[in-house]
Structures are given as structure tokens and as C-alpha cells.
């Protein structure tokens, strides 16, 4: 019995270790029967995506599929629920807690004023009271597209349009510090987000169409639940596993929406964040297939990793695939943090 448990544990660890590390791509594929027709179809699909991505030309962009609400992103498959993915380092409640007193939760906005030197804390109460009826606005059903190959369709979210947030910043706080007042710096081209766990990502100003601050989420009703059990009261502050209140960008892949959002800074240039530094595309427009950066080595490695993990879904089912994705993301986070700590020494 003990020997069996050890073997199972080792097998689980091997699956976790192989999940998202590109260097182990060939090892991962060796565990799967490439002759299986289902696997062959998935591999062929990813090779087509790789060929398109590695071309990296403007002509490829012009042929990209148009945005299709209610459908998975090109190359993705639909999932029944919003998959939980993070880097395994969720911030403690004393550092980030929008759930015990949501109205008092604050986000810092920096890069304000003519010179960009201003900053200001803005509470959720301030933003909500600026909206019609002083209530969070329902957003259009949102399709969440993940670069790892899945799309959760029709998420029901409520919050504040980004335009309303910017307008609130422009009005300023008459009772606050004069240095903290004003609109974002006039030359800003990047909306840079920092999470309470240290995660970072930058969004190009050109990609903000339809963006909003999502504060509440209505989980889908269980399949066997009566409609009367899932009314408007089903909305709640986005739970910890999905990162609490966060900015959402309908045109972009999900990694551009930082969980546990702590700071939003308006910068004059588009700066790379966590995943961008590891080889993901700086803009991440899902309809244009912008998953991987132009550096061919990084792009090819990430595409190979995505194809291999998708093979797990085909061969072993969604549960195993999700396990590999979740633990793989955790492991990538650990490795990246260790590498960063060693680099700083």
C-alpha cells in the first residue's frame, strides 16, 4: 500500500512538474500516444497555430478572425466554468481584503497630474456612488479567453466602466491632497497594474475599448438548480480564488486582468509584466491570436507547451487537464520567483 502511494505521488508530481515548463515539452509528449486520432487532430491544430504565429507578419493580422462574442477565441475550447489559475501566492487578508468591508476597499491610482507625480487611493464606495442609482452597473456578458487554450463564455459581472473611473479621477477629491488630484498624465500610453502578490502586467492604451472594473460576479447556477434559487441576489464580490475586484479588458486574453489589484499606474510607455517578460505577447489581443512575443525561441517554446497540455485534455479529460494547468501555473510562479530572487542577489 505504501509503495503504491509513493508511486502515485511521484506520478502526480511528475505531471505537475511537466505542466507548463517548455523545456519538458518533448518529455510530456512522450507520455501520450501520438498515433491516437484525437491526439493527432489536436497536435495538427496547434501546428497550424504555430505556423501562423511564427509567420509574425502584418498580413497574418489582417486575416485574423473577427471578434465573435459568445464563442471561444480562435484555437481555444469552451469550458463550463471559470477556471481558477494563479501563481500560487495569494496575498494574506491583512494585505488584501475587499470582502469583509467592500465599500472601504481602496485601489491606488498613480501617474496622475501634468507630470505624472500624483497618486491617490480611491475606495469602491467612491466609484459606486458616482454611478447611476449608486449601484454597480451590469456589464455585457463577458467571454473570458485564456492564453492556455480555454474560454469561459458569458460571465455575469457588475462594476464600473473604465471611462467612469477615469472621469472620477479627473474630478479629483476637493478635500484631498492637491498633489493627488487630476487626470492621468497627458502622455500616458500604458495602464500598468500591480497586484497585492507582486504580479504585474501592462495594457496598451489602444486596447481599452469596453474595459471595466469588475467588482461583483454571479456564479452560474448549478445544472439541477431551480431558476428561483438563482435570482439577482446571486451577485457577490468576486471571490478570492478569482482575484477580487479587477480590471477586465474584453479585447484581451485573461492574463492582462490582474488578480488582487492593488495599484493602477498610468505610464508613458508600454512596460512588460510577469508573463510578458517570460515570452507572452505585449498586447494580447485574442481575436488577432496575439499569444506569444515576437522572439521566435520563446514563442515556439510556449506554443509547444500549450499543445502538450491540451493533449492532456483530449486523452485524460477535463479534470486531469485542469489539474495540470493549475499546478503547472503554481510551479511556474515558484520557479520565476526563485529565479528573480537569485538574480537580485
Protein backbone atom coordinates (compact mmCIF):
# COMPACT_ATOMS: atom_id res chain seq x y z
CA UNK A 1 0.00 0.00 0.00
CA UNK A 2 2.80 2.43 0.94
CA UNK A 3 4.70 1.59 -2.27
CA UNK A 4 1.55 2.22 -4.33
CA UNK A 5 1.00 5.60 -2.67
CA UNK A 6 4.60 6.57 -3.34
CA UNK A 7 4.23 5.66 -6.99
CA UNK A 8 1.01 7.64 -7.29
CA UNK A 9 2.57 10.65 -5.54
CA UNK A 10 5.58 10.54 -7.84
CA UNK A 11 3.32 10.30 -10.87
CA UNK A 12 1.31 13.31 -9.69
CA UNK A 13 4.48 15.30 -9.04
CA UNK A 14 5.80 14.40 -12.49
CA UNK A 15 2.57 15.64 -14.08
CA UNK A 16 2.74 18.90 -12.11
CA UNK A 17 6.39 19.41 -12.98
CA UNK A 18 5.71 18.88 -16.67
CA UNK A 19 2.65 21.11 -16.82
CA UNK A 20 3.91 24.42 -18.16
CA UNK A 21 7.69 24.19 -18.40
CA UNK A 22 8.56 24.43 -22.09
CA UNK A 23 11.87 22.64 -21.62
CA UNK A 24 9.95 19.47 -20.79
CA UNK A 25 7.71 19.62 -23.84
CA UNK A 26 9.24 16.55 -25.54
CA UNK A 27 9.03 14.54 -22.30
CA UNK A 28 5.37 15.42 -21.94
CA UNK A 29 4.51 14.35 -25.47
CA UNK A 30 6.34 11.06 -24.97
CA UNK A 31 3.77 10.15 -22.31
CA UNK A 32 0.94 10.42 -24.86
CA UNK A 33 0.15 8.17 -27.81
CA UNK A 34 0.64 10.47 -30.79
CA UNK A 35 -0.98 7.84 -33.03
CA UNK A 36 -4.32 8.33 -31.30
CA UNK A 37 -6.53 10.14 -33.86
CA UNK A 38 -7.81 12.57 -31.22
CA UNK A 39 -4.29 13.49 -30.19
CA UNK A 40 -3.18 13.78 -33.81
CA UNK A 41 -6.00 16.24 -34.54
CA UNK A 42 -5.07 18.43 -31.58
CA UNK A 43 -1.38 18.38 -32.47
CA UNK A 44 -2.19 19.27 -36.08
CA UNK A 45 -4.32 22.17 -34.89
CA UNK A 46 -1.54 23.53 -32.68
CA UNK A 47 0.98 23.13 -35.51
CA UNK A 48 -1.28 25.23 -37.73
CA UNK A 49 -1.45 27.86 -34.98
CA UNK A 50 2.33 27.72 -34.62
CA UNK A 51 2.85 28.18 -38.35
CA UNK A 52 0.54 31.17 -38.33
CA UNK A 53 2.11 32.69 -35.23
CA UNK A 54 5.70 32.16 -36.29
CA UNK A 55 4.99 33.97 -39.55
CA UNK A 56 4.56 37.10 -37.43
CA UNK A 57 3.54 39.31 -40.34
CA UNK A 58 1.04 42.12 -40.62
CA UNK A 59 -0.69 40.13 -43.34
CA UNK A 60 -1.45 37.41 -40.79
CA UNK A 61 -3.02 40.04 -38.54
CA UNK A 62 -5.23 41.26 -41.37
CA UNK A 63 -6.53 37.72 -41.91
CA UNK A 64 -7.24 37.11 -38.20
CA UNK A 65 -10.75 36.07 -37.31
CA UNK A 66 -13.02 38.90 -36.15
CA UNK A 67 -14.18 39.03 -32.56
CA UNK A 68 -17.05 36.59 -32.04
CA UNK A 69 -19.00 37.19 -28.80
CA UNK A 70 -20.30 34.01 -27.27
CA UNK A 71 -17.69 31.80 -28.92
CA UNK A 72 -14.23 30.60 -27.84
CA UNK A 73 -11.21 32.52 -29.07
CA UNK A 74 -9.59 31.02 -32.19
CA UNK A 75 -7.65 27.95 -31.04
CA UNK A 76 -9.47 27.74 -27.68
CA UNK A 77 -12.13 25.35 -26.42
CA UNK A 78 -15.14 26.26 -24.27
CA UNK A 79 -15.23 25.26 -20.60
CA UNK A 80 -18.29 25.10 -18.35
CA UNK A 81 -16.88 27.17 -15.52
CA UNK A 82 -14.39 29.96 -14.87
CA UNK A 83 -11.14 28.04 -14.34
CA UNK A 84 -9.04 29.09 -11.34
CA UNK A 85 -5.45 29.82 -12.38
CA UNK A 86 -2.84 31.74 -10.41
CA UNK A 87 0.82 31.56 -9.42
CA UNK A 88 0.13 30.00 -6.03
CA UNK A 89 0.99 33.03 -3.90
CA UNK A 90 -2.34 34.53 -2.86
CA UNK A 91 -1.88 37.59 -0.61
CA UNK A 92 -2.82 37.36 3.08
CA UNK A 93 -6.03 39.05 4.21
CA UNK A 94 -4.17 41.73 6.19
CA UNK A 95 -2.64 42.91 2.91
CA UNK A 96 -5.66 42.49 0.63
CA UNK A 97 -9.26 42.08 1.79
CA UNK A 98 -12.15 43.55 -0.24
CA UNK A 99 -14.64 41.05 1.22
CA UNK A 100 -15.01 42.00 4.89
CA UNK A 101 -15.89 45.64 4.06
CA UNK A 102 -16.18 46.05 0.27
CA UNK A 103 -17.08 49.75 0.25
CA UNK A 104 -13.92 50.64 2.18
CA UNK A 105 -11.59 48.68 -0.08
CA UNK A 106 -9.25 51.02 -1.95
CA UNK A 107 -7.12 50.87 -5.10
CA UNK A 108 -4.19 53.24 -5.56
CA UNK A 109 -4.05 55.16 -8.83
CA UNK A 110 -0.65 56.61 -9.75
CA UNK A 111 0.75 58.60 -12.64
CA UNK A 112 -1.71 61.47 -12.10
CA UNK A 113 -1.31 65.14 -12.89
CA UNK A 114 0.58 67.00 -15.57
CA UNK A 115 3.92 65.47 -14.57
CA UNK A 116 2.59 62.06 -13.50
CA UNK A 117 3.88 62.52 -9.95
CA UNK A 118 0.46 62.37 -8.29
CA UNK A 119 -1.22 59.34 -6.78
CA UNK A 120 -4.45 58.69 -4.95
CA UNK A 121 -6.36 55.98 -3.10
CA UNK A 122 -9.89 55.50 -4.43
CA UNK A 123 -12.42 53.42 -2.50
CA UNK A 124 -15.06 51.25 -4.08
CA UNK A 125 -17.65 53.39 -2.29
CA UNK A 126 -16.45 56.50 -4.16
CA UNK A 127 -16.74 54.76 -7.51
CA UNK A 128 -20.11 53.16 -6.79
CA UNK A 129 -21.66 56.44 -5.65
CA UNK A 130 -20.67 58.08 -8.94
CA UNK A 131 -22.74 55.56 -10.90
CA UNK A 132 -26.47 55.83 -11.72
CA UNK A 133 -28.60 54.81 -8.71
CA UNK A 134 -25.33 54.47 -6.78
CA UNK A 135 -25.22 50.82 -7.74
CA UNK A 136 -22.74 48.71 -9.66
CA UNK A 137 -23.64 48.59 -13.32
CA UNK A 138 -24.32 45.26 -15.06
CA UNK A 139 -21.73 44.65 -17.76
CA UNK A 140 -22.43 42.86 -21.06
CA UNK A 141 -21.89 39.07 -20.73
CA UNK A 142 -18.13 38.63 -20.79
CA UNK A 143 -16.24 35.86 -22.58
CA UNK A 144 -13.05 35.12 -20.68
CA UNK A 145 -10.33 33.86 -23.03
CA UNK A 146 -7.20 32.31 -21.52
CA UNK A 147 -3.95 32.07 -23.46
CA UNK A 148 -3.58 28.46 -22.27
CA UNK A 149 -6.41 27.36 -24.54
CA UNK A 150 -9.78 27.68 -22.79
CA UNK A 151 -12.66 30.17 -22.90
CA UNK A 152 -15.33 30.65 -20.21
CA UNK A 153 -18.31 32.17 -22.01
CA UNK A 154 -20.97 34.58 -20.78
CA UNK A 155 -19.60 35.53 -17.34
CA UNK A 156 -22.03 37.81 -15.50
CA UNK A 157 -20.17 40.71 -13.91
CA UNK A 158 -21.10 44.06 -12.38
CA UNK A 159 -18.91 47.05 -11.76
CA UNK A 160 -17.92 50.40 -13.25
CA UNK A 161 -16.87 51.23 -16.83
CA UNK A 162 -13.24 52.31 -17.02
CA UNK A 163 -14.42 55.60 -18.53
CA UNK A 164 -16.36 56.28 -15.31
CA UNK A 165 -13.27 55.53 -13.24
CA UNK A 166 -11.19 57.93 -15.34
CA UNK A 167 -13.87 60.61 -15.08
CA UNK A 168 -13.83 60.24 -11.29
CA UNK A 169 -10.07 60.72 -11.25
CA UNK A 170 -10.40 63.85 -13.39
CA UNK A 171 -12.90 65.37 -10.96
CA UNK A 172 -10.48 64.77 -8.12
CA UNK A 173 -11.14 64.92 -4.39
CA UNK A 174 -11.73 68.53 -3.22
CA UNK A 175 -10.88 67.57 0.35
CA UNK A 176 -7.79 65.57 -0.52
CA UNK A 177 -4.15 66.36 -1.08
CA UNK A 178 -3.82 68.78 -4.03
CA UNK A 179 -0.86 66.78 -5.32
CA UNK A 180 -3.13 63.73 -5.66
CA UNK A 181 -5.76 65.41 -7.80
CA UNK A 182 -6.19 65.39 -11.53
CA UNK A 183 -6.50 63.19 -14.56
CA UNK A 184 -3.87 60.68 -15.65
CA UNK A 185 -0.72 62.25 -17.10
CA UNK A 186 -1.45 63.52 -20.62
CA UNK A 187 1.24 61.40 -22.30
CA UNK A 188 0.15 58.04 -20.87
CA UNK A 189 0.09 55.08 -23.24
CA UNK A 190 0.17 52.22 -20.72
CA UNK A 191 -2.18 51.21 -17.93
CA UNK A 192 0.12 49.25 -15.65
CA UNK A 193 -1.36 47.01 -12.95
CA UNK A 194 0.33 45.68 -9.82
CA UNK A 195 -1.26 43.01 -7.63
CA UNK A 196 -1.00 42.56 -3.89
CA UNK A 197 1.05 39.41 -4.55
CA UNK A 198 3.55 41.26 -6.78
CA UNK A 199 2.13 40.19 -10.15
CA UNK A 200 2.41 42.88 -12.84
CA UNK A 201 1.03 43.44 -16.33
CA UNK A 202 0.76 46.41 -18.68
CA UNK A 203 -2.09 47.18 -21.09
CA UNK A 204 -1.72 49.31 -24.21
CA UNK A 205 -3.99 52.37 -24.14
CA UNK A 206 -5.24 51.43 -27.63
CA UNK A 207 -6.74 48.20 -26.26
CA UNK A 208 -9.11 49.65 -23.64
CA UNK A 209 -12.36 49.55 -25.62
CA UNK A 210 -15.16 48.30 -23.36
CA UNK A 211 -12.84 47.94 -20.36
CA UNK A 212 -14.37 48.00 -16.88
CA UNK A 213 -13.63 47.44 -13.23
CA UNK A 214 -15.39 44.19 -12.32
CA UNK A 215 -16.45 44.15 -8.66
CA UNK A 216 -19.20 41.53 -8.45
CA UNK A 217 -19.74 38.19 -10.14
CA UNK A 218 -22.78 35.96 -10.39
CA UNK A 219 -21.67 32.31 -10.48
CA UNK A 220 -23.63 30.16 -12.92
CA UNK A 221 -26.50 28.22 -11.43
CA UNK A 222 -25.89 24.51 -10.88
CA UNK A 223 -27.44 22.44 -13.62
CA UNK A 224 -30.03 20.95 -11.26
CA UNK A 225 -30.94 24.25 -9.51
CA UNK A 226 -34.33 25.90 -9.95
CA UNK A 227 -34.39 29.33 -11.57
CA UNK A 228 -35.99 30.81 -8.44
CA UNK A 229 -32.88 29.87 -6.44
CA UNK A 230 -30.59 31.99 -8.60
CA UNK A 231 -32.03 35.47 -8.81
CA UNK A 232 -30.34 38.89 -8.80
CA UNK A 233 -29.16 38.27 -5.23
CA UNK A 234 -26.66 35.77 -6.68
CA UNK A 235 -24.16 38.61 -7.31
CA UNK A 236 -21.31 38.87 -4.83
CA UNK A 237 -17.86 40.44 -4.66
CA UNK A 238 -15.58 38.41 -6.92
CA UNK A 239 -14.25 35.68 -4.59
CA UNK A 240 -10.60 35.26 -3.56
CA UNK A 241 -9.84 32.43 -5.99
CA UNK A 242 -10.80 34.74 -8.87
CA UNK A 243 -8.86 37.69 -7.51
CA UNK A 244 -11.42 40.13 -6.08
CA UNK A 245 -12.25 43.41 -7.89
CA UNK A 246 -10.18 43.57 -11.08
CA UNK A 247 -9.96 45.42 -14.36
CA UNK A 248 -11.35 43.48 -17.32
CA UNK A 249 -10.42 44.06 -20.96
CA UNK A 250 -12.85 42.39 -23.39
CA UNK A 251 -10.42 42.52 -26.32
CA UNK A 252 -7.53 40.85 -24.46
CA UNK A 253 -6.53 37.47 -23.10
CA UNK A 254 -7.21 36.99 -19.40
CA UNK A 255 -3.64 37.37 -18.11
CA UNK A 256 -3.95 41.12 -18.76
CA UNK A 257 -6.51 41.30 -15.93
CA UNK A 258 -4.52 41.35 -12.69
CA UNK A 259 -5.94 39.47 -9.74
CA UNK A 260 -5.83 41.10 -6.28
CA UNK A 261 -5.45 44.50 -7.93
CA UNK A 262 -3.59 46.93 -5.69
CA UNK A 263 -2.10 49.70 -7.88
CA UNK A 264 -3.02 51.12 -11.29
CA UNK A 265 -0.37 53.40 -12.78
CA UNK A 266 -0.57 55.46 -15.95
CA UNK A 267 2.81 55.27 -17.70
CA UNK A 268 4.22 56.93 -20.82
CA UNK A 269 5.42 53.64 -22.37
CA UNK A 270 4.08 50.07 -22.51
CA UNK A 271 6.07 48.14 -19.93
CA UNK A 272 6.33 44.37 -19.68
CA UNK A 273 4.86 42.48 -16.75
CA UNK A 274 5.27 38.95 -15.39
CA UNK A 275 4.09 36.90 -18.39
CA UNK A 276 5.36 39.38 -20.98
CA UNK A 277 8.88 39.02 -19.60
CA UNK A 278 8.51 35.24 -19.98
CA UNK A 279 7.59 35.48 -23.65
CA UNK A 280 3.88 36.34 -23.90
CA UNK A 281 2.73 39.00 -26.37
CA UNK A 282 2.86 42.62 -25.15
CA UNK A 283 -0.67 43.41 -26.40
CA UNK A 284 -2.54 40.06 -26.13
CA UNK A 285 -5.49 40.75 -28.45
CA UNK A 286 -7.22 37.36 -28.59
CA UNK A 287 -9.01 37.98 -31.90
CA UNK A 288 -5.63 38.52 -33.56
CA UNK A 289 -4.05 35.47 -31.96
CA UNK A 290 -1.53 37.55 -30.01
CA UNK A 291 -0.44 34.90 -27.55
CA UNK A 292 3.34 34.86 -27.86
CA UNK A 293 6.02 37.52 -28.29
CA UNK A 294 7.98 38.04 -31.50
CA UNK A 295 11.09 36.33 -30.12
CA UNK A 296 10.93 33.06 -32.06
CA UNK A 297 12.56 30.87 -29.44
CA UNK A 298 10.19 31.92 -26.66
CA UNK A 299 7.16 31.79 -28.91
CA UNK A 300 7.90 28.30 -30.22
CA UNK A 301 8.52 27.01 -26.67
CA UNK A 302 5.24 28.39 -25.32
CA UNK A 303 3.23 27.08 -28.30
CA UNK A 304 4.74 23.63 -27.82
CA UNK A 305 3.84 23.76 -24.13
CA UNK A 306 0.26 24.79 -24.89
CA UNK A 307 -0.11 21.99 -27.42
CA UNK A 308 1.21 19.42 -24.99
CA UNK A 309 -1.07 20.47 -22.12
CA UNK A 310 -4.06 20.45 -24.47
CA UNK A 311 -3.23 16.85 -25.32
CA UNK A 312 -3.82 16.02 -21.65
CA UNK A 313 -7.37 17.32 -22.02
CA UNK A 314 -8.02 15.15 -25.08
CA UNK A 315 -6.55 11.96 -23.67
CA UNK A 316 -7.27 12.17 -19.93
CA UNK A 317 -10.29 14.51 -19.78
CA UNK A 318 -11.04 17.98 -18.47
CA UNK A 319 -10.41 17.23 -14.78
CA UNK A 320 -6.87 15.98 -15.40
CA UNK A 321 -6.20 18.86 -17.80
CA UNK A 322 -7.38 21.40 -15.22
CA UNK A 323 -5.22 19.78 -12.53
CA UNK A 324 -2.18 20.04 -14.80
CA UNK A 325 -2.95 23.67 -15.66
CA UNK A 326 -3.48 24.77 -12.04
CA UNK A 327 -0.42 23.06 -10.62
CA UNK A 328 1.65 23.96 -13.65
CA UNK A 329 0.85 27.64 -13.12
CA UNK A 330 1.78 27.31 -9.47
CA UNK A 331 5.11 25.72 -10.37
CA UNK A 332 5.92 28.36 -12.98
CA UNK A 333 5.28 31.01 -10.32
CA UNK A 334 7.62 29.29 -7.86
CA UNK A 335 10.38 28.90 -10.45
CA UNK A 336 10.01 32.51 -11.60
CA UNK A 337 10.15 33.84 -8.04
CA UNK A 338 13.24 31.77 -7.27
CA UNK A 339 14.92 32.98 -10.46
CA UNK A 340 14.05 36.58 -9.60
CA UNK A 341 15.42 36.20 -6.07
CA UNK A 342 18.68 34.71 -7.37
CA UNK A 343 19.00 37.47 -9.96
CA UNK A 344 18.64 40.16 -7.29
CA UNK A 345 21.36 38.66 -5.10
